[in-house]
C-alpha atoms as a PDB file:
ATOM      1  CA  UNK A   1     -76.879   1.898 108.348  1.00  0.00           C
ATOM      2  CA  UNK A   2     -78.625   5.302 108.183  1.00  0.00           C
ATOM      3  CA  UNK A   3     -81.533   4.039 106.089  1.00  0.00           C
ATOM      4  CA  UNK A   4     -84.951   3.641 107.762  1.00  0.00           C
ATOM      5  CA  UNK A   5     -86.249   0.123 108.252  1.00  0.00           C
ATOM      6  CA  UNK A   6     -89.384   1.315 106.432  1.00  0.00           C
ATOM      7  CA  UNK A   7     -90.015   4.530 104.512  1.00  0.00           C
ATOM      8  CA  UNK A   8     -92.996   5.610 106.599  1.00  0.00           C
ATOM      9  CA  UNK A   9     -93.601   8.907 108.317  1.00  0.00           C
ATOM     10  CA  UNK A  10     -93.047   9.133 112.067  1.00  0.00           C
ATOM     11  CA  UNK A  11     -96.766   9.421 112.824  1.00  0.00           C
ATOM     12  CA  UNK A  12     -97.302   6.044 111.166  1.00  0.00           C
ATOM     13  CA  UNK A  13     -94.849   4.221 113.421  1.00  0.00           C
ATOM     14  CA  UNK A  14     -96.405   2.114 116.137  1.00  0.00           C
ATOM     15  CA  UNK A  15     -94.234   3.445 118.935  1.00  0.00           C
ATOM     16  CA  UNK A  16     -94.544   1.772 122.338  1.00  0.00           C
ATOM     17  CA  UNK A  17     -92.921   2.598 125.669  1.00  0.00           C
ATOM     18  CA  UNK A  18     -90.327   4.860 124.096  1.00  0.00           C
ATOM     19  CA  UNK A  19     -93.135   7.241 123.193  1.00  0.00           C
ATOM     20  CA  UNK A  20     -95.337   6.915 126.276  1.00  0.00           C
ATOM     21  CA  UNK A  21     -95.799  10.122 128.239  1.00  0.00           C
ATOM     22  CA  UNK A  22     -95.056   8.824 131.744  1.00  0.00           C
ATOM     23  CA  UNK A  23     -94.183  10.580 135.001  1.00  0.00           C
ATOM     24  CA  UNK A  24     -94.433  14.032 133.400  1.00  0.00           C
ATOM     25  CA  UNK A  25     -95.940  16.603 135.730  1.00  0.00           C
ATOM     26  CA  UNK A  26     -94.783  20.110 134.889  1.00  0.00           C
ATOM     27  CA  UNK A  27     -95.597  22.048 131.740  1.00  0.00           C
ATOM     28  CA  UNK A  28     -91.898  22.222 130.883  1.00  0.00           C
ATOM     29  CA  UNK A  29     -91.463  18.476 131.251  1.00  0.00           C
ATOM     30  CA  UNK A  30     -94.357  17.869 128.882  1.00  0.00           C
ATOM     31  CA  UNK A  31     -93.021  20.399 126.379  1.00  0.00           C
ATOM     32  CA  UNK A  32     -89.578  18.807 126.484  1.00  0.00           C
ATOM     33  CA  UNK A  33     -91.184  15.401 125.946  1.00  0.00           C
ATOM     34  CA  UNK A  34     -93.086  16.669 122.896  1.00  0.00           C
ATOM     35  CA  UNK A  35     -89.808  17.892 121.422  1.00  0.00           C
ATOM     36  CA  UNK A  36     -88.276  14.510 122.183  1.00  0.00           C
ATOM     37  CA  UNK A  37     -91.117  12.744 120.356  1.00  0.00           C
ATOM     38  CA  UNK A  38     -90.331  14.743 117.228  1.00  0.00           C
ATOM     39  CA  UNK A  39     -86.934  13.008 117.156  1.00  0.00           C
ATOM     40  CA  UNK A  40     -88.374   9.478 117.315  1.00  0.00           C
ATOM     41  CA  UNK A  41     -87.505   7.642 114.131  1.00  0.00           C
ATOM     42  CA  UNK A  42     -86.895   4.116 112.941  1.00  0.00           C
ATOM     43  CA  UNK A  43     -83.571   5.095 111.402  1.00  0.00           C
ATOM     44  CA  UNK A  44     -80.766   3.000 112.881  1.00  0.00           C
ATOM     45  CA  UNK A  45     -77.555   4.842 113.711  1.00  0.00           C
ATOM     46  CA  UNK A  46     -74.513   3.913 115.729  1.00  0.00           C
ATOM     47  CA  UNK A  47     -75.500   4.043 119.386  1.00  0.00           C
ATOM     48  CA  UNK A  48     -79.212   4.163 118.519  1.00  0.00           C
ATOM     49  CA  UNK A  49     -80.697   0.674 117.981  1.00  0.00           C
ATOM     50  CA  UNK A  50     -84.379  -0.128 117.646  1.00  0.00           C
ATOM     51  CA  UNK A  51     -86.380  -3.268 118.412  1.00  0.00           C
ATOM     52  CA  UNK A  52     -89.809  -4.810 118.718  1.00  0.00           C
ATOM     53  CA  UNK A  53     -91.537  -4.259 122.038  1.00  0.00           C
ATOM     54  CA  UNK A  54     -92.090  -7.387 124.146  1.00  0.00           C
ATOM     55  CA  UNK A  55     -93.694  -7.858 127.543  1.00  0.00           C
ATOM     56  CA  UNK A  56     -90.444  -8.707 129.340  1.00  0.00           C
ATOM     57  CA  UNK A  57     -90.758  -5.747 131.702  1.00  0.00           C
ATOM     58  CA  UNK A  58     -88.137  -5.622 134.440  1.00  0.00           C
ATOM     59  CA  UNK A  59     -89.335  -8.116 137.082  1.00  0.00           C
ATOM     60  CA  UNK A  60     -87.031 -10.806 135.705  1.00  0.00           C
ATOM     61  CA  UNK A  61     -84.034  -8.712 136.813  1.00  0.00           C
ATOM     62  CA  UNK A  62     -85.185  -8.905 140.441  1.00  0.00           C
ATOM     63  CA  UNK A  63     -85.173 -12.714 140.236  1.00  0.00           C
ATOM     64  CA  UNK A  64     -81.557 -12.925 139.066  1.00  0.00           C
ATOM     65  CA  UNK A  65     -78.251 -12.118 140.689  1.00  0.00           C
ATOM     66  CA  UNK A  66     -77.377  -9.556 138.039  1.00  0.00           C
ATOM     67  CA  UNK A  67     -74.070  -8.648 139.648  1.00  0.00           C
ATOM     68  CA  UNK A  68     -73.020 -12.285 139.540  1.00  0.00           C
ATOM     69  CA  UNK A  69     -73.767 -12.368 135.799  1.00  0.00           C
ATOM     70  CA  UNK A  70     -72.390  -9.009 134.663  1.00  0.00           C
ATOM     71  CA  UNK A  71     -69.846  -8.266 137.398  1.00  0.00           C
ATOM     72  CA  UNK A  72     -69.627  -6.058 140.461  1.00  0.00           C
ATOM     73  CA  UNK A  73     -70.256  -2.403 139.702  1.00  0.00           C
ATOM     74  CA  UNK A  74     -71.659  -3.162 136.260  1.00  0.00           C
ATOM     75  CA  UNK A  75     -74.113  -0.811 134.605  1.00  0.00           C
ATOM     76  CA  UNK A  76     -76.794  -3.514 134.626  1.00  0.00           C
ATOM     77  CA  UNK A  77     -76.493  -4.082 138.376  1.00  0.00           C
ATOM     78  CA  UNK A  78     -77.375  -0.456 139.102  1.00  0.00           C
ATOM     79  CA  UNK A  79     -79.803   0.520 136.348  1.00  0.00           C
ATOM     80  CA  UNK A  80     -83.175   2.037 137.222  1.00  0.00           C
ATOM     81  CA  UNK A  81     -85.850  -0.557 136.498  1.00  0.00           C
ATOM     82  CA  UNK A  82     -88.032   2.161 134.969  1.00  0.00           C
ATOM     83  CA  UNK A  83     -85.358   2.601 132.296  1.00  0.00           C
ATOM     84  CA  UNK A  84     -85.377  -1.148 131.725  1.00  0.00           C
ATOM     85  CA  UNK A  85     -89.128  -1.126 131.126  1.00  0.00           C
ATOM     86  CA  UNK A  86     -88.928   1.858 128.787  1.00  0.00           C
ATOM     87  CA  UNK A  87     -85.896   0.958 126.676  1.00  0.00           C
ATOM     88  CA  UNK A  88     -85.077  -2.724 127.145  1.00  0.00           C
ATOM     89  CA  UNK A  89     -88.421  -4.583 127.261  1.00  0.00           C
ATOM     90  CA  UNK A  90     -87.619  -5.857 123.801  1.00  0.00           C
ATOM     91  CA  UNK A  91     -87.213  -8.897 121.599  1.00  0.00           C
ATOM     92  CA  UNK A  92     -86.666  -9.969 117.988  1.00  0.00           C
ATOM     93  CA  UNK A  93     -86.390  -8.456 115.546  1.00  0.00           C
ATOM     94  CA  UNK A  94     -83.501  -6.288 116.724  1.00  0.00           C
ATOM     95  CA  UNK A  95     -81.934  -3.660 114.457  1.00  0.00           C
ATOM     96  CA  UNK A  96     -78.598  -2.029 115.224  1.00  0.00           C
ATOM     97  CA  UNK A  97     -75.520  -0.604 113.593  1.00  0.00           C
ATOM     98  CA  UNK A  98     -72.946  -3.243 112.711  1.00  0.00           C
ATOM     99  CA  UNK A  99     -70.334  -1.565 114.938  1.00  0.00           C
ATOM    100  CA  UNK A 100     -72.677  -1.854 117.930  1.00  0.00           C
ATOM    101  CA  UNK A 101     -73.452  -5.463 117.073  1.00  0.00           C
ATOM    102  CA  UNK A 102     -69.769  -6.377 116.993  1.00  0.00           C
ATOM    103  CA  UNK A 103     -69.399  -5.036 120.523  1.00  0.00           C
ATOM    104  CA  UNK A 104     -72.593  -6.637 121.755  1.00  0.00           C
ATOM    105  CA  UNK A 105     -72.108 -10.180 120.455  1.00  0.00           C
ATOM    106  CA  UNK A 106     -69.284 -11.246 122.816  1.00  0.00           C
ATOM    107  CA  UNK A 107     -71.228 -10.024 125.857  1.00  0.00           C
ATOM    108  CA  UNK A 108     -74.434 -11.630 124.617  1.00  0.00           C
ATOM    109  CA  UNK A 109     -72.642 -14.983 124.369  1.00  0.00           C
ATOM    110  CA  UNK A 110     -70.920 -14.463 127.725  1.00  0.00           C
ATOM    111  CA  UNK A 111     -74.187 -13.788 129.576  1.00  0.00           C
ATOM    112  CA  UNK A 112     -76.192 -16.545 127.871  1.00  0.00           C
ATOM    113  CA  UNK A 113     -75.215 -19.493 130.071  1.00  0.00           C
ATOM    114  CA  UNK A 114     -75.494 -17.741 133.452  1.00  0.00           C
ATOM    115  CA  UNK A 115     -78.919 -16.383 132.432  1.00  0.00           C
ATOM    116  CA  UNK A 116     -79.977 -19.910 131.492  1.00  0.00           C
ATOM    117  CA  UNK A 117     -78.537 -21.380 134.674  1.00  0.00           C
ATOM    118  CA  UNK A 118     -80.506 -18.856 136.761  1.00  0.00           C
ATOM    119  CA  UNK A 119     -83.713 -20.553 135.561  1.00  0.00           C
ATOM    120  CA  UNK A 120     -83.190 -23.496 133.179  1.00  0.00           C
ATOM    121  CA  UNK A 121     -86.924 -23.656 132.436  1.00  0.00           C
ATOM    122  CA  UNK A 122     -87.207 -20.054 131.261  1.00  0.00           C
ATOM    123  CA  UNK A 123     -86.970 -20.118 127.476  1.00  0.00           C
ATOM    124  CA  UNK A 124     -86.348 -16.363 127.345  1.00  0.00           C
ATOM    125  CA  UNK A 125     -82.799 -16.604 128.737  1.00  0.00           C
ATOM    126  CA  UNK A 126     -81.307 -15.591 125.394  1.00  0.00           C
ATOM    127  CA  UNK A 127     -83.431 -12.422 125.418  1.00  0.00           C
ATOM    128  CA  UNK A 128     -82.347 -11.566 128.960  1.00  0.00           C
ATOM    129  CA  UNK A 129     -78.713 -12.015 127.950  1.00  0.00           C
ATOM    130  CA  UNK A 130     -79.222  -9.681 124.987  1.00  0.00           C
ATOM    131  CA  UNK A 131     -80.778  -7.025 127.216  1.00  0.00           C
ATOM    132  CA  UNK A 132     -77.959  -7.224 129.769  1.00  0.00           C
ATOM    133  CA  UNK A 133     -75.371  -6.883 127.008  1.00  0.00           C
ATOM    134  CA  UNK A 134     -77.191  -3.852 125.586  1.00  0.00           C
ATOM    135  CA  UNK A 135     -77.408  -2.241 129.024  1.00  0.00           C
ATOM    136  CA  UNK A 136     -73.686  -2.754 129.636  1.00  0.00           C
ATOM    137  CA  UNK A 137     -72.899  -1.007 126.364  1.00  0.00           C
ATOM    138  CA  UNK A 138     -75.397   1.786 127.102  1.00  0.00           C
ATOM    139  CA  UNK A 139     -77.539   1.025 124.067  1.00  0.00           C
ATOM    140  CA  UNK A 140     -81.098   2.063 124.993  1.00  0.00           C
ATOM    141  CA  UNK A 141     -83.469   0.957 122.256  1.00  0.00           C
ATOM    142  CA  UNK A 142     -86.208   2.859 120.498  1.00  0.00           C
ATOM    143  CA  UNK A 143     -89.120   0.481 120.958  1.00  0.00           C
ATOM    144  CA  UNK A 144     -91.818  -0.082 118.324  1.00  0.00           C
ATOM    145  CA  UNK A 145     -94.783  -2.427 117.972  1.00  0.00           C
ATOM    146  CA  UNK A 146     -95.101  -2.802 114.236  1.00  0.00           C
ATOM    147  CA  UNK A 147     -92.443  -5.400 113.432  1.00  0.00           C
ATOM    148  CA  UNK A 148     -94.059  -8.507 114.922  1.00  0.00           C
ATOM    149  CA  UNK A 149     -97.343 -10.211 115.792  1.00  0.00           C
ATOM    150  CA  UNK A 150     -97.764 -13.284 117.966  1.00  0.00           C
ATOM    151  CA  UNK A 151    -100.676 -13.476 120.428  1.00  0.00           C
ATOM    152  CA  UNK A 152    -104.052 -13.118 118.729  1.00  0.00           C
ATOM    153  CA  UNK A 153    -105.431 -11.671 121.978  1.00  0.00           C
ATOM    154  CA  UNK A 154    -102.864  -8.883 122.136  1.00  0.00           C
ATOM    155  CA  UNK A 155    -103.958  -5.243 122.013  1.00  0.00           C
ATOM    156  CA  UNK A 156    -100.385  -4.276 121.138  1.00  0.00           C
ATOM    157  CA  UNK A 157     -97.816  -5.854 118.817  1.00  0.00           C
ATOM    158  CA  UNK A 158     -98.296  -5.109 115.115  1.00  0.00           C
ATOM    159  CA  UNK A 159    -101.941  -6.090 114.893  1.00  0.00           C
ATOM    160  CA  UNK A 160    -103.061  -2.527 114.115  1.00  0.00           C
ATOM    161  CA  UNK A 161    -101.426  -2.855 110.708  1.00  0.00           C
ATOM    162  CA  UNK A 162    -102.103  -6.551 110.220  1.00  0.00           C
ATOM    163  CA  UNK A 163    -105.817  -6.107 110.935  1.00  0.00           C
ATOM    164  CA  UNK A 164    -106.110  -3.658 108.054  1.00  0.00           C
ATOM    165  CA  UNK A 165    -105.205  -6.548 105.757  1.00  0.00           C
ATOM    166  CA  UNK A 166    -106.772  -9.441 107.667  1.00  0.00           C
ATOM    167  CA  UNK A 167    -110.033  -7.695 108.520  1.00  0.00           C
ATOM    168  CA  UNK A 168    -110.590  -4.345 106.816  1.00  0.00           C
ATOM    169  CA  UNK A 169    -108.948  -0.993 106.038  1.00  0.00           C
ATOM    170  CA  UNK A 170    -111.765   0.469 108.153  1.00  0.00           C
ATOM    171  CA  UNK A 171    -110.426  -1.363 111.210  1.00  0.00           C
ATOM    172  CA  UNK A 172    -108.668   1.636 112.751  1.00  0.00           C
ATOM    173  CA  UNK A 173    -111.784   3.796 112.330  1.00  0.00           C
ATOM    174  CA  UNK A 174    -113.805   1.629 114.699  1.00  0.00           C
ATOM    175  CA  UNK A 175    -113.693   3.299 118.090  1.00  0.00           C
ATOM    176  CA  UNK A 176    -115.737   0.787 120.059  1.00  0.00           C
ATOM    177  CA  UNK A 177    -113.803  -2.189 121.414  1.00  0.00           C
ATOM    178  CA  UNK A 178    -117.090  -4.104 121.319  1.00  0.00           C
ATOM    179  CA  UNK A 179    -117.345  -3.421 117.582  1.00  0.00           C
ATOM    180  CA  UNK A 180    -113.799  -4.644 117.102  1.00  0.00           C
ATOM    181  CA  UNK A 181    -114.375  -7.931 118.906  1.00  0.00           C
ATOM    182  CA  UNK A 182    -117.525  -8.948 117.030  1.00  0.00           C
ATOM    183  CA  UNK A 183    -117.164  -8.628 113.273  1.00  0.00           C
ATOM    184  CA  UNK A 184    -120.789  -9.442 112.403  1.00  0.00           C
ATOM    185  CA  UNK A 185    -122.620  -6.712 110.529  1.00  0.00           C
ATOM    186  CA  UNK A 186    -119.564  -4.911 109.207  1.00  0.00           C
ATOM    187  CA  UNK A 187    -120.079  -3.434 105.756  1.00  0.00           C
ATOM    188  CA  UNK A 188    -116.739  -3.826 104.009  1.00  0.00           C
ATOM    189  CA  UNK A 189    -115.374  -3.303 100.546  1.00  0.00           C
ATOM    190  CA  UNK A 190    -112.592  -5.681 101.587  1.00  0.00           C
ATOM    191  CA  UNK A 191    -113.196  -8.831 103.587  1.00  0.00           C
ATOM    192  CA  UNK A 192    -109.692 -10.114 104.128  1.00  0.00           C
ATOM    193  CA  UNK A 193    -107.457 -12.306 101.946  1.00  0.00           C
ATOM    194  CA  UNK A 194    -108.132 -15.837 100.806  1.00  0.00           C
ATOM    195  CA  UNK A 195    -106.161 -18.491 102.664  1.00  0.00           C
ATOM    196  CA  UNK A 196    -103.615 -19.012  99.887  1.00  0.00           C
ATOM    197  CA  UNK A 197    -103.069 -15.225  99.725  1.00  0.00           C
ATOM    198  CA  UNK A 198    -102.373 -14.876 103.444  1.00  0.00           C
ATOM    199  CA  UNK A 199     -98.700 -14.095 102.834  1.00  0.00           C
ATOM    200  CA  UNK A 200     -99.285 -11.989  99.748  1.00  0.00           C
ATOM    201  CA  UNK A 201     -99.665  -8.512 101.188  1.00  0.00           C
ATOM    202  CA  UNK A 202    -101.253  -6.297  98.571  1.00  0.00           C
ATOM    203  CA  UNK A 203    -101.478  -2.544  98.226  1.00  0.00           C
ATOM    204  CA  UNK A 204    -105.191  -3.056  98.729  1.00  0.00           C
ATOM    205  CA  UNK A 205    -105.912   0.485  99.957  1.00  0.00           C
ATOM    206  CA  UNK A 206    -105.554   2.984  97.147  1.00  0.00           C
ATOM    207  CA  UNK A 207    -103.564   6.058  98.099  1.00  0.00           C
ATOM    208  CA  UNK A 208    -102.221   4.504 101.329  1.00  0.00           C
ATOM    209  CA  UNK A 209     -98.817   3.072 102.113  1.00  0.00           C
ATOM    210  CA  UNK A 210     -98.646  -0.706 102.143  1.00  0.00           C
ATOM    211  CA  UNK A 211     -98.009  -1.215 105.842  1.00  0.00           C
ATOM    212  CA  UNK A 212     -96.478  -4.619 106.377  1.00  0.00           C
ATOM    213  CA  UNK A 213     -95.819  -6.546 109.577  1.00  0.00           C
ATOM    214  CA  UNK A 214     -92.484  -8.247 109.023  1.00  0.00           C
ATOM    215  CA  UNK A 215     -92.579 -11.220 111.420  1.00  0.00           C
ATOM    216  CA  UNK A 216     -95.058 -13.707 112.823  1.00  0.00           C
ATOM    217  CA  UNK A 217     -93.622 -14.976 116.105  1.00  0.00           C
ATOM    218  CA  UNK A 218     -95.212 -18.422 116.276  1.00  0.00           C
ATOM    219  CA  UNK A 219     -94.989 -18.936 120.002  1.00  0.00           C
ATOM    220  CA  UNK A 220     -98.645 -19.882 120.456  1.00  0.00           C
ATOM    221  CA  UNK A 221    -101.252 -22.497 119.656  1.00  0.00           C
ATOM    222  CA  UNK A 222    -103.407 -21.002 116.909  1.00  0.00           C
ATOM    223  CA  UNK A 223    -107.035 -22.126 116.699  1.00  0.00           C
ATOM    224  CA  UNK A 224    -106.317 -24.906 119.171  1.00  0.00           C
ATOM    225  CA  UNK A 225    -108.944 -26.511 121.425  1.00  0.00           C
ATOM    226  CA  UNK A 226    -108.758 -29.626 123.579  1.00  0.00           C
ATOM    227  CA  UNK A 227    -110.970 -31.441 121.060  1.00  0.00           C
ATOM    228  CA  UNK A 228    -110.602 -30.011 117.566  1.00  0.00           C
ATOM    229  CA  UNK A 229    -113.974 -31.461 116.498  1.00  0.00           C
ATOM    230  CA  UNK A 230    -115.831 -29.299 119.013  1.00  0.00           C
ATOM    231  CA  UNK A 231    -116.375 -25.642 118.271  1.00  0.00           C
ATOM    232  CA  UNK A 232    -115.591 -23.016 120.885  1.00  0.00           C
ATOM    233  CA  UNK A 233    -114.937 -19.248 120.873  1.00  0.00           C
ATOM    234  CA  UNK A 234    -111.224 -19.995 120.416  1.00  0.00           C
ATOM    235  CA  UNK A 235    -111.530 -22.536 117.592  1.00  0.00           C
ATOM    236  CA  UNK A 236    -111.109 -21.718 113.915  1.00  0.00           C
ATOM    237  CA  UNK A 237    -113.718 -23.607 111.916  1.00  0.00           C
ATOM    238  CA  UNK A 238    -114.488 -23.746 108.219  1.00  0.00           C
ATOM    239  CA  UNK A 239    -117.904 -23.835 106.568  1.00  0.00           C
ATOM    240  CA  UNK A 240    -117.972 -27.639 106.725  1.00  0.00           C
ATOM    241  CA  UNK A 241    -117.562 -27.609 110.491  1.00  0.00           C
ATOM    242  CA  UNK A 242    -113.960 -28.813 110.517  1.00  0.00           C
ATOM    243  CA  UNK A 243    -111.597 -26.994 112.881  1.00  0.00           C
ATOM    244  CA  UNK A 244    -108.080 -25.923 111.912  1.00  0.00           C
ATOM    245  CA  UNK A 245    -105.095 -25.104 114.062  1.00  0.00           C
ATOM    246  CA  UNK A 246    -101.340 -24.723 113.929  1.00  0.00           C
ATOM    247  CA  UNK A 247     -98.466 -25.229 116.311  1.00  0.00           C
ATOM    248  CA  UNK A 248     -94.877 -25.302 115.096  1.00  0.00           C
ATOM    249  CA  UNK A 249     -94.124 -28.319 117.285  1.00  0.00           C
ATOM    250  CA  UNK A 250     -96.669 -30.408 115.356  1.00  0.00           C
ATOM    251  CA  UNK A 251     -94.904 -30.096 112.013  1.00  0.00           C
ATOM    252  CA  UNK A 252     -93.104 -33.421 111.360  1.00  0.00           C
ATOM    253  CA  UNK A 253     -89.316 -33.062 111.669  1.00  0.00           C
ATOM    254  CA  UNK A 254     -88.860 -34.841 108.338  1.00  0.00           C
ATOM    255  CA  UNK A 255     -91.234 -32.515 106.506  1.00  0.00           C
ATOM    256  CA  UNK A 256     -88.632 -32.075 103.730  1.00  0.00           C
ATOM    257  CA  UNK A 257     -88.586 -35.793 102.953  1.00  0.00           C
ATOM    258  CA  UNK A 258     -89.149 -36.421  99.247  1.00  0.00           C
ATOM    259  CA  UNK A 259     -91.746 -39.116  99.997  1.00  0.00           C
ATOM    260  CA  UNK A 260     -93.757 -37.171 102.575  1.00  0.00           C
ATOM    261  CA  UNK A 261     -96.846 -35.300 101.343  1.00  0.00           C
ATOM    262  CA  UNK A 262     -97.413 -31.581 101.810  1.00  0.00           C
ATOM    263  CA  UNK A 263     -99.625 -30.110 104.507  1.00  0.00           C
ATOM    264  CA  UNK A 264    -103.320 -29.977 103.670  1.00  0.00           C
ATOM    265  CA  UNK A 265    -104.205 -26.427 102.665  1.00  0.00           C
ATOM    266  CA  UNK A 266    -107.210 -24.994 104.536  1.00  0.00           C
ATOM    267  CA  UNK A 267    -110.228 -23.790 102.535  1.00  0.00           C
ATOM    268  CA  UNK A 268    -109.770 -20.492 100.705  1.00  0.00           C
ATOM    269  CA  UNK A 269    -112.485 -18.770 102.765  1.00  0.00           C
ATOM    270  CA  UNK A 270    -111.108 -19.814 106.182  1.00  0.00           C
ATOM    271  CA  UNK A 271    -110.018 -16.267 107.105  1.00  0.00           C
ATOM    272  CA  UNK A 272    -113.064 -14.534 105.691  1.00  0.00           C
ATOM    273  CA  UNK A 273    -115.698 -16.634 107.503  1.00  0.00           C
ATOM    274  CA  UNK A 274    -114.349 -15.887 111.000  1.00  0.00           C
ATOM    275  CA  UNK A 275    -116.611 -13.474 112.896  1.00  0.00           C
ATOM    276  CA  UNK A 276    -114.488 -13.000 116.016  1.00  0.00           C
ATOM    277  CA  UNK A 277    -111.365 -10.873 115.890  1.00  0.00           C
ATOM    278  CA  UNK A 278    -108.979 -13.340 117.525  1.00  0.00           C
ATOM    279  CA  UNK A 279    -110.298 -16.186 115.362  1.00  0.00           C
ATOM    280  CA  UNK A 280    -109.710 -14.191 112.195  1.00  0.00           C
ATOM    281  CA  UNK A 281    -106.184 -13.398 113.313  1.00  0.00           C
ATOM    282  CA  UNK A 282    -105.603 -17.062 114.181  1.00  0.00           C
ATOM    283  CA  UNK A 283    -106.968 -18.149 110.791  1.00  0.00           C
ATOM    284  CA  UNK A 284    -104.562 -15.761 109.080  1.00  0.00           C
ATOM    285  CA  UNK A 285    -101.601 -17.187 111.034  1.00  0.00           C
ATOM    286  CA  UNK A 286    -102.723 -20.747 110.254  1.00  0.00           C
ATOM    287  CA  UNK A 287    -103.028 -19.961 106.551  1.00  0.00           C
ATOM    288  CA  UNK A 288     -99.726 -18.071 106.529  1.00  0.00           C
ATOM    289  CA  UNK A 289     -97.884 -20.911 108.244  1.00  0.00           C
ATOM    290  CA  UNK A 290     -99.293 -23.750 106.157  1.00  0.00           C
ATOM    291  CA  UNK A 291     -98.978 -21.827 102.882  1.00  0.00           C
ATOM    292  CA  UNK A 292     -95.415 -20.765 103.706  1.00  0.00           C
ATOM    293  CA  UNK A 293     -94.317 -24.251 104.737  1.00  0.00           C
ATOM    294  CA  UNK A 294     -95.801 -25.831 101.622  1.00  0.00           C
ATOM    295  CA  UNK A 295     -94.096 -23.268  99.387  1.00  0.00           C
ATOM    296  CA  UNK A 296     -90.745 -23.874 101.071  1.00  0.00           C
ATOM    297  CA  UNK A 297     -91.057 -27.675 101.003  1.00  0.00           C
ATOM    298  CA  UNK A 298     -92.113 -27.677  97.357  1.00  0.00           C
ATOM    299  CA  UNK A 299     -89.173 -25.448  96.404  1.00  0.00           C
ATOM    300  CA  UNK A 300     -86.835 -27.804  98.287  1.00  0.00           C
ATOM    301  CA  UNK A 301     -88.224 -30.876  96.532  1.00  0.00           C
ATOM    302  CA  UNK A 302     -87.861 -29.287  93.117  1.00  0.00           C
ATOM    303  CA  UNK A 303     -84.187 -28.640  93.833  1.00  0.00           C
ATOM    304  CA  UNK A 304     -83.177 -31.800  95.699  1.00  0.00           C
ATOM    305  CA  UNK A 305     -85.612 -34.652  95.019  1.00  0.00           C
ATOM    306  CA  UNK A 306     -85.681 -37.000  92.062  1.00  0.00           C
ATOM    307  CA  UNK A 307     -88.998 -37.066  90.231  1.00  0.00           C
ATOM    308  CA  UNK A 308     -91.571 -38.231  90.929  1.00  0.00           C
ATOM    309  CA  UNK A 309     -91.628 -36.734  94.435  1.00  0.00           C
ATOM    310  CA  UNK A 310     -94.705 -36.374  96.620  1.00  0.00           C
ATOM    311  CA  UNK A 311     -96.668 -33.158  96.026  1.00  0.00           C
ATOM    312  CA  UNK A 312    -100.021 -34.353  97.388  1.00  0.00           C
ATOM    313  CA  UNK A 313    -101.560 -32.287 100.182  1.00  0.00           C
ATOM    314  CA  UNK A 314    -102.455 -35.095 102.585  1.00  0.00           C
ATOM    315  CA  UNK A 315    -100.632 -34.225 105.807  1.00  0.00           C
ATOM    316  CA  UNK A 316    -103.003 -32.791 108.413  1.00  0.00           C
ATOM    317  CA  UNK A 317    -101.853 -31.270 111.688  1.00  0.00           C
ATOM    318  CA  UNK A 318    -103.797 -32.934 114.470  1.00  0.00           C
ATOM    319  CA  UNK A 319    -104.030 -33.069 118.241  1.00  0.00           C
ATOM    320  CA  UNK A 320    -102.474 -36.506 118.538  1.00  0.00           C
ATOM    321  CA  UNK A 321    -100.759 -37.528 121.750  1.00  0.00           C
ATOM    322  CA  UNK A 322     -99.187 -40.676 120.315  1.00  0.00           C
ATOM    323  CA  UNK A 323     -99.224 -42.905 117.243  1.00  0.00           C
ATOM    324  CA  UNK A 324     -99.804 -46.648 116.805  1.00  0.00           C
ATOM    325  CA  UNK A 325     -96.459 -48.386 116.609  1.00  0.00           C
ATOM    326  CA  UNK A 326     -97.038 -49.657 113.074  1.00  0.00           C
ATOM    327  CA  UNK A 327     -97.708 -46.137 111.712  1.00  0.00           C
ATOM    328  CA  UNK A 328     -95.308 -44.031 113.799  1.00  0.00           C
ATOM    329  CA  UNK A 329     -92.979 -42.024 111.581  1.00  0.00           C
ATOM    330  CA  UNK A 330     -94.703 -43.341 108.447  1.00  0.00           C
ATOM    331  CA  UNK A 331     -98.265 -42.067 108.255  1.00  0.00           C
ATOM    332  CA  UNK A 332     -98.565 -40.775 111.801  1.00  0.00           C
ATOM    333  CA  UNK A 333     -96.441 -38.305 113.744  1.00  0.00           C
ATOM    334  CA  UNK A 334     -96.869 -36.603 117.129  1.00  0.00           C
ATOM    335  CA  UNK A 335     -99.180 -33.769 116.173  1.00  0.00           C
ATOM    336  CA  UNK A 336     -99.803 -34.793 112.533  1.00  0.00           C
ATOM    337  CA  UNK A 337    -101.164 -37.616 110.417  1.00  0.00           C
ATOM    338  CA  UNK A 338    -101.467 -38.491 106.750  1.00  0.00           C
ATOM    339  CA  UNK A 339    -105.082 -38.717 105.650  1.00  0.00           C
ATOM    340  CA  UNK A 340    -106.673 -40.010 102.471  1.00  0.00           C
ATOM    341  CA  UNK A 341    -109.274 -37.288 102.112  1.00  0.00           C
ATOM    342  CA  UNK A 342    -108.259 -33.706 101.393  1.00  0.00           C
END
């Protein structure tokens, strides 16, 4: 439990609100804060959990009857919302000592249903319940950015590290936001991974730690446009003019079927030909998702399917609203279709 999540120095951690110098006015306050920063670490200890920063904020607490959920006089019902924003605006992955987790789990389960009932259409109810349980147990989190990426438009999350692999090791040296948005004209020794290498993080910078983002939170449409055949600033196109996208809801539910083909792998250069930052990020997520799914499905088939099983890459994710009745569930699925050409 006292081992760091990664063996990096403190100045390499992407610390978020925990490390922000806010509401400090006097010289002594600032000096005390500097001393506090020297203690920031990603080492998990009992009573000191850490987590990925999310944009939950604290407004959601004003929309709920917190006292009704956690009880009259509870810690959560009286907490300063500034503390919530600084220490509890969090989401997966969470890291905590097993003793803390054993205490937290019953409360997390207890608060789950009332948080859901407060707004049945809010899919973050489980995260709210986790936060309330952590508050009740007085478990303020050290909040970091580097564990997860999700939105390709984000200026936070773990993209600072991911971009060094997806785009260039020189990424962090570019000071101009304009330079970072338009990738044309960059002179690189490294131009990003091939599509099939998207998941294969390499120690591509000699003399530098391999800084890895652990999770892709696939809560977005990646490379998606209303008509995938039309190019737009948000589409991810290959050199043949074909657009690619990924959404987890478009993967057929029977993807592990022995008779179903694998997903069509995008062209190897899909990441490298993108000249807009968010498109390159989206291409990397698309390649990571499709490559990862194909690897997992193929491993499953080798273990559980009788030969010959289908290993052709003919399943293309598509923007289909519905399927003809004679092909539904066979060669056509909501969001995907089997094609002849690869």
